[in-house]
């Protein structure tokens, strides 16, 4: 009986111990160093928690929502309008609007997979795009080439 209790206690202790989450490194290396308002931090944390639940890092999420979706939609538009799409795109409001609407719709669907509210996603995006610490982290971890004006001073 004592052995059973000991084994049960050990298993309970092990199962309750803090397991690393996919975004722990991002929280420690980037987000903790960013000065943002408490409500914005809460929104960003909600997003990270939802990604943790699906075992997705913020870098993977960001790269997919900002690069992979855009690239795949450009390919769709090239198939639809031909090889000259990219040249015509810069001069056609109709094509720009169509690609924009497709992109917004695709990102909404992607966020819905994680049950991320649009306002939460917007807050996280704004913080990410405006903050050099987060951009450096994403550039380093995800091999992105986000422009960081602060690095050119």
C-alpha atoms as a PDB file:
ATOM      1  CA  UNK A   1       0.000   0.000   0.000  1.00  0.00           C
ATOM      2  CA  UNK A   2       2.818   2.439   0.864  1.00  0.00           C
ATOM      3  CA  UNK A   3       4.489   1.696  -2.475  1.00  0.00           C
ATOM      4  CA  UNK A   4       1.275   2.414  -4.335  1.00  0.00           C
ATOM      5  CA  UNK A   5       0.864   5.738  -2.554  1.00  0.00           C
ATOM      6  CA  UNK A   6       4.499   6.613  -3.239  1.00  0.00           C
ATOM      7  CA  UNK A   7       4.179   5.760  -6.933  1.00  0.00           C
ATOM      8  CA  UNK A   8       0.910   7.678  -7.211  1.00  0.00           C
ATOM      9  CA  UNK A   9       2.448  10.707  -5.461  1.00  0.00           C
ATOM     10  CA  UNK A  10       5.456  10.624  -7.761  1.00  0.00           C
ATOM     11  CA  UNK A  11       3.285  10.404 -10.886  1.00  0.00           C
ATOM     12  CA  UNK A  12       1.113  13.249  -9.638  1.00  0.00           C
ATOM     13  CA  UNK A  13       4.171  15.393  -8.956  1.00  0.00           C
ATOM     14  CA  UNK A  14       5.651  14.699 -12.391  1.00  0.00           C
ATOM     15  CA  UNK A  15       2.384  15.341 -14.218  1.00  0.00           C
ATOM     16  CA  UNK A  16       1.814  18.642 -12.387  1.00  0.00           C
ATOM     17  CA  UNK A  17       5.308  19.985 -12.960  1.00  0.00           C
ATOM     18  CA  UNK A  18       5.643  22.924 -15.330  1.00  0.00           C
ATOM     19  CA  UNK A  19       6.203  21.672 -18.852  1.00  0.00           C
ATOM     20  CA  UNK A  20       7.978  23.928 -21.315  1.00  0.00           C
ATOM     21  CA  UNK A  21       5.591  25.597 -23.744  1.00  0.00           C
ATOM     22  CA  UNK A  22       6.428  26.414 -27.357  1.00  0.00           C
ATOM     23  CA  UNK A  23       6.481  30.172 -26.700  1.00  0.00           C
ATOM     24  CA  UNK A  24       8.430  30.232 -23.444  1.00  0.00           C
ATOM     25  CA  UNK A  25      11.614  31.267 -25.243  1.00  0.00           C
ATOM     26  CA  UNK A  26       9.811  34.083 -27.087  1.00  0.00           C
ATOM     27  CA  UNK A  27       8.290  35.280 -23.825  1.00  0.00           C
ATOM     28  CA  UNK A  28      11.705  35.296 -22.138  1.00  0.00           C
ATOM     29  CA  UNK A  29      13.935  36.501 -24.979  1.00  0.00           C
ATOM     30  CA  UNK A  30      11.664  39.077 -26.618  1.00  0.00           C
ATOM     31  CA  UNK A  31       8.342  39.889 -25.002  1.00  0.00           C
ATOM     32  CA  UNK A  32       9.756  40.354 -21.496  1.00  0.00           C
ATOM     33  CA  UNK A  33      12.119  43.026 -22.848  1.00  0.00           C
ATOM     34  CA  UNK A  34       9.418  45.046 -24.576  1.00  0.00           C
ATOM     35  CA  UNK A  35       7.772  47.952 -22.794  1.00  0.00           C
ATOM     36  CA  UNK A  36       4.050  47.811 -23.588  1.00  0.00           C
ATOM     37  CA  UNK A  37       0.853  48.634 -21.762  1.00  0.00           C
ATOM     38  CA  UNK A  38      -0.569  46.008 -19.436  1.00  0.00           C
ATOM     39  CA  UNK A  39      -3.736  45.431 -21.502  1.00  0.00           C
ATOM     40  CA  UNK A  40      -1.664  44.966 -24.668  1.00  0.00           C
ATOM     41  CA  UNK A  41       0.595  42.527 -22.848  1.00  0.00           C
ATOM     42  CA  UNK A  42      -2.474  40.568 -21.701  1.00  0.00           C
ATOM     43  CA  UNK A  43      -3.779  40.388 -25.271  1.00  0.00           C
ATOM     44  CA  UNK A  44      -0.396  39.224 -26.564  1.00  0.00           C
ATOM     45  CA  UNK A  45      -0.247  36.617 -23.776  1.00  0.00           C
ATOM     46  CA  UNK A  46      -3.706  35.325 -24.727  1.00  0.00           C
ATOM     47  CA  UNK A  47      -2.498  34.865 -28.296  1.00  0.00           C
ATOM     48  CA  UNK A  48       0.653  33.056 -27.139  1.00  0.00           C
ATOM     49  CA  UNK A  49      -1.372  30.790 -24.842  1.00  0.00           C
ATOM     50  CA  UNK A  50      -3.645  29.805 -27.737  1.00  0.00           C
ATOM     51  CA  UNK A  51      -0.623  29.068 -29.899  1.00  0.00           C
ATOM     52  CA  UNK A  52       0.937  27.047 -27.058  1.00  0.00           C
ATOM     53  CA  UNK A  53      -2.230  24.943 -26.921  1.00  0.00           C
ATOM     54  CA  UNK A  54      -1.666  24.016 -30.591  1.00  0.00           C
ATOM     55  CA  UNK A  55       2.129  23.621 -30.189  1.00  0.00           C
ATOM     56  CA  UNK A  56       2.866  26.517 -32.557  1.00  0.00           C
ATOM     57  CA  UNK A  57       5.539  29.112 -31.857  1.00  0.00           C
ATOM     58  CA  UNK A  58       4.824  32.787 -32.392  1.00  0.00           C
ATOM     59  CA  UNK A  59       7.533  32.803 -35.057  1.00  0.00           C
ATOM     60  CA  UNK A  60       5.776  30.030 -36.989  1.00  0.00           C
ATOM     61  CA  UNK A  61       2.446  31.814 -36.630  1.00  0.00           C
ATOM     62  CA  UNK A  62       3.878  35.157 -37.727  1.00  0.00           C
ATOM     63  CA  UNK A  63       5.771  33.708 -40.687  1.00  0.00           C
ATOM     64  CA  UNK A  64       2.712  31.810 -41.883  1.00  0.00           C
ATOM     65  CA  UNK A  65       0.295  34.715 -41.489  1.00  0.00           C
ATOM     66  CA  UNK A  66       2.622  37.345 -42.989  1.00  0.00           C
ATOM     67  CA  UNK A  67       4.682  35.451 -45.549  1.00  0.00           C
ATOM     68  CA  UNK A  68       3.333  32.003 -46.431  1.00  0.00           C
ATOM     69  CA  UNK A  69      -0.252  33.158 -46.940  1.00  0.00           C
ATOM     70  CA  UNK A  70       0.843  36.145 -49.027  1.00  0.00           C
ATOM     71  CA  UNK A  71       3.167  34.039 -51.188  1.00  0.00           C
ATOM     72  CA  UNK A  72       0.537  31.368 -51.818  1.00  0.00           C
ATOM     73  CA  UNK A  73      -2.085  33.982 -52.715  1.00  0.00           C
ATOM     74  CA  UNK A  74       0.301  35.654 -55.153  1.00  0.00           C
ATOM     75  CA  UNK A  75       0.727  32.251 -56.809  1.00  0.00           C
ATOM     76  CA  UNK A  76      -3.068  31.884 -57.007  1.00  0.00           C
ATOM     77  CA  UNK A  77      -3.349  35.335 -58.600  1.00  0.00           C
ATOM     78  CA  UNK A  78      -0.581  34.545 -61.103  1.00  0.00           C
ATOM     79  CA  UNK A  79      -2.432  31.376 -62.115  1.00  0.00           C
ATOM     80  CA  UNK A  80      -5.660  33.353 -62.418  1.00  0.00           C
ATOM     81  CA  UNK A  81      -4.277  36.415 -64.265  1.00  0.00           C
ATOM     82  CA  UNK A  82      -1.086  35.143 -65.872  1.00  0.00           C
ATOM     83  CA  UNK A  83       2.623  35.744 -65.473  1.00  0.00           C
ATOM     84  CA  UNK A  84       2.248  39.520 -65.785  1.00  0.00           C
ATOM     85  CA  UNK A  85       0.185  39.734 -62.615  1.00  0.00           C
ATOM     86  CA  UNK A  86       2.936  41.272 -60.488  1.00  0.00           C
ATOM     87  CA  UNK A  87       3.604  44.025 -63.036  1.00  0.00           C
ATOM     88  CA  UNK A  88      -0.109  44.731 -63.502  1.00  0.00           C
ATOM     89  CA  UNK A  89      -0.761  44.584 -59.750  1.00  0.00           C
ATOM     90  CA  UNK A  90       1.160  47.773 -59.007  1.00  0.00           C
ATOM     91  CA  UNK A  91      -1.004  49.735 -61.441  1.00  0.00           C
ATOM     92  CA  UNK A  92      -4.405  48.163 -60.842  1.00  0.00           C
ATOM     93  CA  UNK A  93      -6.546  49.140 -57.861  1.00  0.00           C
ATOM     94  CA  UNK A  94      -8.890  46.268 -58.738  1.00  0.00           C
ATOM     95  CA  UNK A  95      -6.092  43.683 -58.452  1.00  0.00           C
ATOM     96  CA  UNK A  96      -4.737  45.303 -55.283  1.00  0.00           C
ATOM     97  CA  UNK A  97      -8.172  45.200 -53.680  1.00  0.00           C
ATOM     98  CA  UNK A  98      -8.743  41.603 -54.743  1.00  0.00           C
ATOM     99  CA  UNK A  99      -5.405  40.433 -53.318  1.00  0.00           C
ATOM    100  CA  UNK A 100      -5.991  42.456 -50.147  1.00  0.00           C
ATOM    101  CA  UNK A 101      -9.447  40.930 -49.612  1.00  0.00           C
ATOM    102  CA  UNK A 102      -8.125  37.411 -50.238  1.00  0.00           C
ATOM    103  CA  UNK A 103      -5.273  38.020 -47.805  1.00  0.00           C
ATOM    104  CA  UNK A 104      -7.542  39.380 -45.058  1.00  0.00           C
ATOM    105  CA  UNK A 105      -9.948  36.476 -45.500  1.00  0.00           C
ATOM    106  CA  UNK A 106      -7.145  33.900 -45.392  1.00  0.00           C
ATOM    107  CA  UNK A 107      -5.591  35.423 -42.271  1.00  0.00           C
ATOM    108  CA  UNK A 108      -9.008  35.465 -40.552  1.00  0.00           C
ATOM    109  CA  UNK A 109      -9.415  31.758 -41.346  1.00  0.00           C
ATOM    110  CA  UNK A 110      -5.917  31.045 -40.066  1.00  0.00           C
ATOM    111  CA  UNK A 111      -6.580  32.942 -36.820  1.00  0.00           C
ATOM    112  CA  UNK A 112      -9.907  31.116 -36.434  1.00  0.00           C
ATOM    113  CA  UNK A 113      -8.006  27.794 -36.354  1.00  0.00           C
ATOM    114  CA  UNK A 114      -6.438  28.992 -33.108  1.00  0.00           C
ATOM    115  CA  UNK A 115      -9.561  30.815 -31.865  1.00  0.00           C
ATOM    116  CA  UNK A 116      -7.657  34.097 -31.927  1.00  0.00           C
ATOM    117  CA  UNK A 117      -9.915  37.142 -31.832  1.00  0.00           C
ATOM    118  CA  UNK A 118      -9.225  39.722 -34.549  1.00  0.00           C
ATOM    119  CA  UNK A 119      -8.516  42.458 -31.983  1.00  0.00           C
ATOM    120  CA  UNK A 120      -5.976  40.252 -30.212  1.00  0.00           C
ATOM    121  CA  UNK A 121      -4.273  39.473 -33.519  1.00  0.00           C
ATOM    122  CA  UNK A 122      -4.174  43.186 -34.417  1.00  0.00           C
ATOM    123  CA  UNK A 123      -2.589  44.112 -31.086  1.00  0.00           C
ATOM    124  CA  UNK A 124       0.074  41.417 -31.438  1.00  0.00           C
ATOM    125  CA  UNK A 125       0.770  42.444 -35.019  1.00  0.00           C
ATOM    126  CA  UNK A 126       1.102  46.113 -34.138  1.00  0.00           C
ATOM    127  CA  UNK A 127       3.469  45.354 -31.282  1.00  0.00           C
ATOM    128  CA  UNK A 128       5.519  43.011 -33.475  1.00  0.00           C
ATOM    129  CA  UNK A 129       5.774  45.338 -36.454  1.00  0.00           C
ATOM    130  CA  UNK A 130       6.691  48.375 -34.385  1.00  0.00           C
ATOM    131  CA  UNK A 131       9.111  46.787 -31.952  1.00  0.00           C
ATOM    132  CA  UNK A 132      12.758  46.228 -32.944  1.00  0.00           C
ATOM    133  CA  UNK A 133      13.327  43.624 -30.194  1.00  0.00           C
ATOM    134  CA  UNK A 134      10.555  41.408 -31.514  1.00  0.00           C
ATOM    135  CA  UNK A 135      11.593  41.976 -35.138  1.00  0.00           C
ATOM    136  CA  UNK A 136      15.188  41.010 -34.329  1.00  0.00           C
ATOM    137  CA  UNK A 137      13.958  37.886 -32.568  1.00  0.00           C
ATOM    138  CA  UNK A 138      11.749  36.902 -35.537  1.00  0.00           C
ATOM    139  CA  UNK A 139      14.495  37.696 -38.042  1.00  0.00           C
ATOM    140  CA  UNK A 140      16.922  35.534 -36.121  1.00  0.00           C
ATOM    141  CA  UNK A 141      14.641  32.593 -35.311  1.00  0.00           C
ATOM    142  CA  UNK A 142      12.583  32.470 -38.500  1.00  0.00           C
ATOM    143  CA  UNK A 143      15.165  33.791 -40.974  1.00  0.00           C
ATOM    144  CA  UNK A 144      12.929  36.727 -41.834  1.00  0.00           C
ATOM    145  CA  UNK A 145      14.241  39.967 -43.211  1.00  0.00           C
ATOM    146  CA  UNK A 146      12.038  42.470 -41.448  1.00  0.00           C
ATOM    147  CA  UNK A 147      13.376  45.993 -41.801  1.00  0.00           C
ATOM    148  CA  UNK A 148      14.529  47.522 -38.519  1.00  0.00           C
ATOM    149  CA  UNK A 149      15.119  51.276 -38.952  1.00  0.00           C
ATOM    150  CA  UNK A 150      16.713  51.550 -35.512  1.00  0.00           C
ATOM    151  CA  UNK A 151      19.577  49.355 -36.720  1.00  0.00           C
ATOM    152  CA  UNK A 152      20.519  51.897 -39.431  1.00  0.00           C
ATOM    153  CA  UNK A 153      21.255  54.785 -37.089  1.00  0.00           C
END
